[in-house]
C-alpha atoms as a PDB file:
ATOM      1  CA  MET A   1      34.963  35.920 -22.547  1.00  0.00           C
ATOM      2  CA  ALA A   2      36.785  36.571 -19.300  1.00  0.00           C
ATOM      3  CA  SER A   3      40.446  37.449 -19.434  1.00  0.00           C
ATOM      4  CA  LEU A   4      42.569  34.580 -18.158  1.00  0.00           C
ATOM      5  CA  GLU A   5      46.143  34.768 -16.841  1.00  0.00           C
ATOM      6  CA  THR A   6      48.471  33.756 -19.675  1.00  0.00           C
ATOM      7  CA  SER A   7      51.858  35.223 -18.740  1.00  0.00           C
ATOM      8  CA  ASN A   8      53.079  32.029 -17.038  1.00  0.00           C
ATOM      9  CA  LYS A   9      52.403  29.100 -19.349  1.00  0.00           C
ATOM     10  CA  THR A  10      53.089  25.397 -18.976  1.00  0.00           C
ATOM     11  CA  GLN A  11      53.015  23.096 -21.965  1.00  0.00           C
ATOM     12  CA  MET A  12      50.967  19.947 -21.424  1.00  0.00           C
ATOM     13  CA  THR A  13      49.967  16.983 -23.545  1.00  0.00           C
ATOM     14  CA  ILE A  14      46.427  15.672 -23.369  1.00  0.00           C
ATOM     15  CA  GLU A  15      44.791  12.637 -24.910  1.00  0.00           C
ATOM     16  CA  LEU A  16      41.258  12.920 -26.290  1.00  0.00           C
ATOM     17  CA  PRO A  17      38.952  10.284 -27.651  1.00  0.00           C
ATOM     18  CA  GLU A  18      39.203  10.317 -31.449  1.00  0.00           C
ATOM     19  CA  LYS A  19      35.581  11.429 -31.893  1.00  0.00           C
ATOM     20  CA  LEU A  20      36.031  14.383 -29.541  1.00  0.00           C
ATOM     21  CA  ALA A  21      39.284  15.394 -31.267  1.00  0.00           C
ATOM     22  CA  LYS A  22      37.484  15.399 -34.643  1.00  0.00           C
ATOM     23  CA  GLU A  23      34.634  17.469 -33.205  1.00  0.00           C
ATOM     24  CA  LEU A  24      37.154  19.930 -31.773  1.00  0.00           C
ATOM     25  CA  LYS A  25      38.967  20.269 -35.113  1.00  0.00           C
ATOM     26  CA  SER A  26      35.643  20.805 -36.886  1.00  0.00           C
ATOM     27  CA  TYR A  27      34.593  23.427 -34.332  1.00  0.00           C
ATOM     28  CA  LEU A  28      37.905  25.279 -34.679  1.00  0.00           C
ATOM     29  CA  ALA A  29      37.601  25.274 -38.483  1.00  0.00           C
ATOM     30  CA  GLU A  30      34.233  27.011 -38.187  1.00  0.00           C
ATOM     31  CA  ASN A  31      35.173  29.299 -35.281  1.00  0.00           C
ATOM     32  CA  THR A  32      38.485  30.792 -36.339  1.00  0.00           C
ATOM     33  CA  GLY A  33      38.529  33.247 -33.427  1.00  0.00           C
ATOM     34  CA  ASP A  34      38.893  30.384 -30.952  1.00  0.00           C
ATOM     35  CA  SER A  35      41.929  28.217 -30.252  1.00  0.00           C
ATOM     36  CA  ILE A  36      42.473  24.946 -28.442  1.00  0.00           C
ATOM     37  CA  GLU A  37      44.228  26.911 -25.702  1.00  0.00           C
ATOM     38  CA  SER A  38      41.335  29.357 -25.265  1.00  0.00           C
ATOM     39  CA  ILE A  39      38.701  26.605 -25.190  1.00  0.00           C
ATOM     40  CA  ILE A  40      40.569  24.479 -22.644  1.00  0.00           C
ATOM     41  CA  SER A  41      41.531  27.498 -20.530  1.00  0.00           C
ATOM     42  CA  GLU A  42      37.933  28.711 -20.352  1.00  0.00           C
ATOM     43  CA  ALA A  43      36.585  25.234 -19.561  1.00  0.00           C
ATOM     44  CA  LEU A  44      39.152  24.654 -16.823  1.00  0.00           C
ATOM     45  CA  HIS A  45      38.566  28.103 -15.370  1.00  0.00           C
ATOM     46  CA  VAL A  46      34.832  27.443 -15.120  1.00  0.00           C
ATOM     47  CA  ARG A  47      35.312  23.900 -13.833  1.00  0.00           C
ATOM     48  CA  THR A  48      37.951  24.675 -11.222  1.00  0.00           C
ATOM     49  CA  PHE A  49      36.716  28.089 -10.068  1.00  0.00           C
ATOM     50  CA  PRO A  50      32.902  27.825  -9.875  1.00  0.00           C
ATOM     51  CA  LYS A  51      32.822  30.275  -6.963  1.00  0.00           C
ATOM     52  CA  ASP A  52      30.467  32.774  -8.620  1.00  0.00           C
ATOM     53  CA  PRO A  53      27.242  31.078  -9.763  1.00  0.00           C
ATOM     54  CA  ALA A  54      26.356  34.157 -11.835  1.00  0.00           C
ATOM     55  CA  GLU A  55      29.377  33.508 -14.071  1.00  0.00           C
ATOM     56  CA  ILE A  56      28.322  29.905 -14.635  1.00  0.00           C
ATOM     57  CA  LEU A  57      24.764  31.008 -15.438  1.00  0.00           C
ATOM     58  CA  LYS A  58      26.154  33.658 -17.788  1.00  0.00           C
ATOM     59  CA  LEU A  59      28.155  31.023 -19.663  1.00  0.00           C
ATOM     60  CA  ALA A  60      25.078  28.821 -19.869  1.00  0.00           C
ATOM     61  CA  GLY A  61      23.015  31.715 -21.244  1.00  0.00           C
ATOM     62  CA  VAL A  62      20.641  31.744 -18.279  1.00  0.00           C
ATOM     63  CA  VAL A  63      19.019  35.076 -17.460  1.00  0.00           C
ATOM     64  CA  THR A  64      19.069  35.771 -13.741  1.00  0.00           C
ATOM     65  CA  GLN A  65      17.345  39.168 -13.836  1.00  0.00           C
ATOM     66  CA  ALA A  66      14.705  40.479 -16.203  1.00  0.00           C
ATOM     67  CA  SER A  67      12.246  43.327 -16.275  1.00  0.00           C
ATOM     68  CA  ARG A  68       8.818  42.817 -14.760  1.00  0.00           C
ATOM     69  CA  GLY A  69       6.541  41.076 -17.219  1.00  0.00           C
ATOM     70  CA  ALA A  70       9.386  39.698 -19.336  1.00  0.00           C
ATOM     71  CA  ALA A  71       8.058  36.140 -18.958  1.00  0.00           C
ATOM     72  CA  GLU A  72       4.832  37.089 -20.709  1.00  0.00           C
ATOM     73  CA  HIS A  73       6.809  38.358 -23.705  1.00  0.00           C
ATOM     74  CA  ALA A  74       9.433  35.617 -23.861  1.00  0.00           C
ATOM     75  CA  GLU A  75       9.938  33.785 -27.131  1.00  0.00           C
ATOM     76  CA  ASP A  76       9.000  30.113 -27.171  1.00  0.00           C
ATOM     77  CA  PRO A  77      11.757  28.121 -28.942  1.00  0.00           C
ATOM     78  CA  SER A  78       9.263  25.350 -29.772  1.00  0.00           C
ATOM     79  CA  ASP A  79       7.284  27.660 -32.112  1.00  0.00           C
END
């Protein structure tokens, strides 16, 4: 994950739909290395600074470069 500026912080209150809040709590229980702050910071960074398409593709797990012939040896997730 990219390093985000955290030295100057502002406390904010957000309201989430109840279902989303439950999903977030469940996710955080399973992913103890993440925090609400890190998830929101990363999402806002991607959403507000989409200047480098490679970074967005990287987050999405899209491969932009591969060796010649890689397509012939790719795994098919439907198998």
